[in-house]
Amino acid sequence: MKTDTQNLMKHFSSVLRTRANSKEATEPSISKSISRFLSRKELIEIIKEKFSGSIPKEHNLVELENEQLLDIIGDDMYIIAYCTQKWCGESPLIGSKKTEKKEPTKPNSNGKGTSQKK
């Protein structure tokens, strides 16, 4: 597993633990240190997902620094959702299960299908 992935997982577990242990609702927040693990492209993808596939017109992303992109994201939970979805797509377990192919059927004399497997 990549070091960045492990560090992100540690950060996410810390965020989730803090939120789980909080007795009151916590204000959405984002750690500025997380920007070293994510590319600018990934930050923009997270913003797109947050705003349902589009970027609000009031934000000119070309002119913004990564820290400002994090301010637009606003909550670690968006980053957690993005990364976990990405990691699930990269998982070596997905698609590794071999599906059993069904044998084709041919109708028998009574009109019902039977397997050609002998």
C-alpha atoms as a PDB file:
ATOM      1  CA  MET A   1       0.000   0.000   0.000  1.00  0.00           C
ATOM      2  CA  LYS A   2       1.319   3.445  -0.847  1.00  0.00           C
ATOM      3  CA  THR A   3       2.599   5.652   1.949  1.00  0.00           C
ATOM      4  CA  ASP A   4       0.255   8.499   0.928  1.00  0.00           C
ATOM      5  CA  THR A   5      -2.707   6.154   1.119  1.00  0.00           C
ATOM      6  CA  GLN A   6      -1.671   4.976   4.568  1.00  0.00           C
ATOM      7  CA  ASN A   7      -1.185   8.545   5.766  1.00  0.00           C
ATOM      8  CA  LEU A   8      -4.585   9.534   4.404  1.00  0.00           C
ATOM      9  CA  MET A   9      -6.190   6.564   6.142  1.00  0.00           C
ATOM     10  CA  LYS A  10      -4.558   7.600   9.421  1.00  0.00           C
ATOM     11  CA  HIS A  11      -5.800  11.159   8.960  1.00  0.00           C
ATOM     12  CA  PHE A  12      -9.304   9.958   8.108  1.00  0.00           C
ATOM     13  CA  SER A  13      -9.412   7.651  11.113  1.00  0.00           C
ATOM     14  CA  SER A  14      -8.404  10.579  13.320  1.00  0.00           C
ATOM     15  CA  VAL A  15     -11.129  12.785  11.820  1.00  0.00           C
ATOM     16  CA  LEU A  16     -13.774  10.090  12.215  1.00  0.00           C
ATOM     17  CA  ARG A  17     -12.660   9.237  15.763  1.00  0.00           C
ATOM     18  CA  THR A  18     -12.838  12.899  16.786  1.00  0.00           C
ATOM     19  CA  ARG A  19     -16.312  13.259  15.302  1.00  0.00           C
ATOM     20  CA  ALA A  20     -17.508  10.016  16.863  1.00  0.00           C
ATOM     21  CA  ASN A  21     -16.253  11.024  20.313  1.00  0.00           C
ATOM     22  CA  SER A  22     -17.686  14.528  20.146  1.00  0.00           C
ATOM     23  CA  LYS A  23     -20.717  14.949  22.373  1.00  0.00           C
ATOM     24  CA  GLU A  24     -21.978  17.893  20.343  1.00  0.00           C
ATOM     25  CA  ALA A  25     -22.339  18.368  16.643  1.00  0.00           C
ATOM     26  CA  THR A  26     -19.014  19.485  15.278  1.00  0.00           C
ATOM     27  CA  GLU A  27     -18.551  22.342  12.887  1.00  0.00           C
ATOM     28  CA  PRO A  28     -17.486  21.048   9.461  1.00  0.00           C
ATOM     29  CA  SER A  29     -13.769  21.593   9.118  1.00  0.00           C
ATOM     30  CA  ILE A  30     -10.867  20.630   6.944  1.00  0.00           C
ATOM     31  CA  SER A  31      -7.228  20.110   7.759  1.00  0.00           C
ATOM     32  CA  LYS A  32      -4.885  22.221   5.626  1.00  0.00           C
ATOM     33  CA  SER A  33      -2.184  19.533   5.907  1.00  0.00           C
ATOM     34  CA  ILE A  34      -4.250  17.203   3.742  1.00  0.00           C
ATOM     35  CA  SER A  35      -3.379  19.222   0.630  1.00  0.00           C
ATOM     36  CA  ARG A  36       0.070  17.594   0.491  1.00  0.00           C
ATOM     37  CA  PHE A  37      -1.573  14.223  -0.213  1.00  0.00           C
ATOM     38  CA  LEU A  38      -3.929  15.404  -2.968  1.00  0.00           C
ATOM     39  CA  SER A  39      -3.197  16.867  -6.354  1.00  0.00           C
ATOM     40  CA  ARG A  40      -4.851  20.026  -7.617  1.00  0.00           C
ATOM     41  CA  LYS A  41      -6.773  17.879 -10.104  1.00  0.00           C
ATOM     42  CA  GLU A  42      -8.132  15.726  -7.271  1.00  0.00           C
ATOM     43  CA  LEU A  43      -9.168  18.800  -5.275  1.00  0.00           C
ATOM     44  CA  ILE A  44     -11.086  20.088  -8.302  1.00  0.00           C
ATOM     45  CA  GLU A  45     -12.745  16.662  -8.745  1.00  0.00           C
ATOM     46  CA  ILE A  46     -13.858  16.778  -5.102  1.00  0.00           C
ATOM     47  CA  ILE A  47     -15.341  20.245  -5.651  1.00  0.00           C
ATOM     48  CA  LYS A  48     -17.193  18.969  -8.726  1.00  0.00           C
ATOM     49  CA  GLU A  49     -18.631  16.080  -6.723  1.00  0.00           C
ATOM     50  CA  LYS A  50     -19.628  18.408  -3.901  1.00  0.00           C
ATOM     51  CA  PHE A  51     -21.572  20.589  -6.305  1.00  0.00           C
ATOM     52  CA  SER A  52     -23.151  17.702  -8.265  1.00  0.00           C
ATOM     53  CA  GLY A  53     -20.808  17.702 -11.229  1.00  0.00           C
ATOM     54  CA  SER A  54     -20.490  21.416 -11.864  1.00  0.00           C
ATOM     55  CA  ILE A  55     -18.346  24.195 -10.498  1.00  0.00           C
ATOM     56  CA  PRO A  56     -20.193  27.254  -9.185  1.00  0.00           C
ATOM     57  CA  LYS A  57     -19.617  30.320 -11.369  1.00  0.00           C
ATOM     58  CA  GLU A  58     -18.535  32.461  -8.419  1.00  0.00           C
ATOM     59  CA  HIS A  59     -15.397  30.311  -8.029  1.00  0.00           C
ATOM     60  CA  ASN A  60     -12.659  30.825 -10.603  1.00  0.00           C
ATOM     61  CA  LEU A  61     -10.565  27.750  -9.850  1.00  0.00           C
ATOM     62  CA  VAL A  62      -7.735  28.805 -12.160  1.00  0.00           C
ATOM     63  CA  GLU A  63      -6.897  31.723  -9.885  1.00  0.00           C
ATOM     64  CA  LEU A  64      -7.195  29.856  -6.580  1.00  0.00           C
ATOM     65  CA  GLU A  65      -4.423  28.246  -4.553  1.00  0.00           C
ATOM     66  CA  ASN A  66      -4.816  24.715  -3.168  1.00  0.00           C
ATOM     67  CA  GLU A  67      -5.604  26.058   0.327  1.00  0.00           C
ATOM     68  CA  GLN A  68      -8.418  28.114  -1.179  1.00  0.00           C
ATOM     69  CA  LEU A  69      -9.716  25.001  -2.945  1.00  0.00           C
ATOM     70  CA  LEU A  70      -9.768  23.287   0.442  1.00  0.00           C
ATOM     71  CA  ASP A  71     -11.815  26.193   1.803  1.00  0.00           C
ATOM     72  CA  ILE A  72     -14.374  25.632  -0.970  1.00  0.00           C
ATOM     73  CA  ILE A  73     -14.513  21.907  -0.121  1.00  0.00           C
ATOM     74  CA  GLY A  74     -15.038  22.923   3.495  1.00  0.00           C
ATOM     75  CA  ASP A  75     -15.286  19.518   5.161  1.00  0.00           C
ATOM     76  CA  ASP A  76     -13.003  16.512   5.466  1.00  0.00           C
ATOM     77  CA  MET A  77     -16.001  14.265   4.837  1.00  0.00           C
ATOM     78  CA  TYR A  78     -16.044  15.223   1.132  1.00  0.00           C
ATOM     79  CA  ILE A  79     -12.405  14.202   0.847  1.00  0.00           C
ATOM     80  CA  ILE A  80     -13.042  10.970   2.741  1.00  0.00           C
ATOM     81  CA  ALA A  81     -15.933  10.125   0.416  1.00  0.00           C
ATOM     82  CA  TYR A  82     -13.880  10.881  -2.684  1.00  0.00           C
ATOM     83  CA  CYS A  83     -10.841   8.880  -1.577  1.00  0.00           C
ATOM     84  CA  THR A  84     -12.758   5.844  -0.380  1.00  0.00           C
ATOM     85  CA  GLN A  85     -14.688   5.706  -3.637  1.00  0.00           C
ATOM     86  CA  LYS A  86     -11.417   5.962  -5.558  1.00  0.00           C
ATOM     87  CA  TRP A  87      -9.792   3.254  -3.420  1.00  0.00           C
ATOM     88  CA  CYS A  88     -12.739   0.928  -3.951  1.00  0.00           C
ATOM     89  CA  GLY A  89     -12.266   1.278  -7.700  1.00  0.00           C
ATOM     90  CA  GLU A  90      -8.583   0.401  -7.343  1.00  0.00           C
ATOM     91  CA  SER A  91      -9.167  -2.566  -5.053  1.00  0.00           C
ATOM     92  CA  PRO A  92      -7.597  -5.775  -6.339  1.00  0.00           C
ATOM     93  CA  LEU A  93     -10.610  -7.679  -5.001  1.00  0.00           C
ATOM     94  CA  ILE A  94     -13.058  -6.009  -7.368  1.00  0.00           C
ATOM     95  CA  GLY A  95     -13.535  -8.061 -10.491  1.00  0.00           C
ATOM     96  CA  SER A  96     -11.277 -10.835  -9.250  1.00  0.00           C
ATOM     97  CA  LYS A  97     -14.107 -13.233  -8.529  1.00  0.00           C
ATOM     98  CA  LYS A  98     -14.512 -15.577 -11.422  1.00  0.00           C
ATOM     99  CA  THR A  99     -18.113 -15.964 -12.351  1.00  0.00           C
ATOM    100  CA  GLU A 100     -19.313 -19.348 -13.325  1.00  0.00           C
ATOM    101  CA  LYS A 101     -20.508 -19.492 -16.887  1.00  0.00           C
ATOM    102  CA  LYS A 102     -23.826 -21.159 -17.380  1.00  0.00           C
ATOM    103  CA  GLU A 103     -24.010 -23.792 -20.027  1.00  0.00           C
ATOM    104  CA  PRO A 104     -26.318 -22.925 -22.897  1.00  0.00           C
ATOM    105  CA  THR A 105     -29.638 -24.714 -22.899  1.00  0.00           C
ATOM    106  CA  LYS A 106     -31.359 -26.436 -25.751  1.00  0.00           C
ATOM    107  CA  PRO A 107     -34.998 -27.377 -25.825  1.00  0.00           C
ATOM    108  CA  ASN A 108     -35.768 -31.043 -25.309  1.00  0.00           C
ATOM    109  CA  SER A 109     -38.682 -32.975 -26.681  1.00  0.00           C
ATOM    110  CA  ASN A 110     -41.153 -31.558 -24.126  1.00  0.00           C
ATOM    111  CA  GLY A 111     -40.159 -27.968 -25.027  1.00  0.00           C
ATOM    112  CA  LYS A 112     -38.331 -27.224 -21.792  1.00  0.00           C
ATOM    113  CA  GLY A 113     -34.683 -26.261 -21.800  1.00  0.00           C
ATOM    114  CA  THR A 114     -32.033 -28.618 -20.565  1.00  0.00           C
ATOM    115  CA  SER A 115     -28.394 -27.990 -19.965  1.00  0.00           C
ATOM    116  CA  GLN A 116     -25.934 -29.352 -22.448  1.00  0.00           C
ATOM    117  CA  LYS A 117     -23.620 -30.202 -19.564  1.00  0.00           C
ATOM    118  CA  LYS A 118     -23.144 -33.960 -19.230  1.00  0.00           C
END
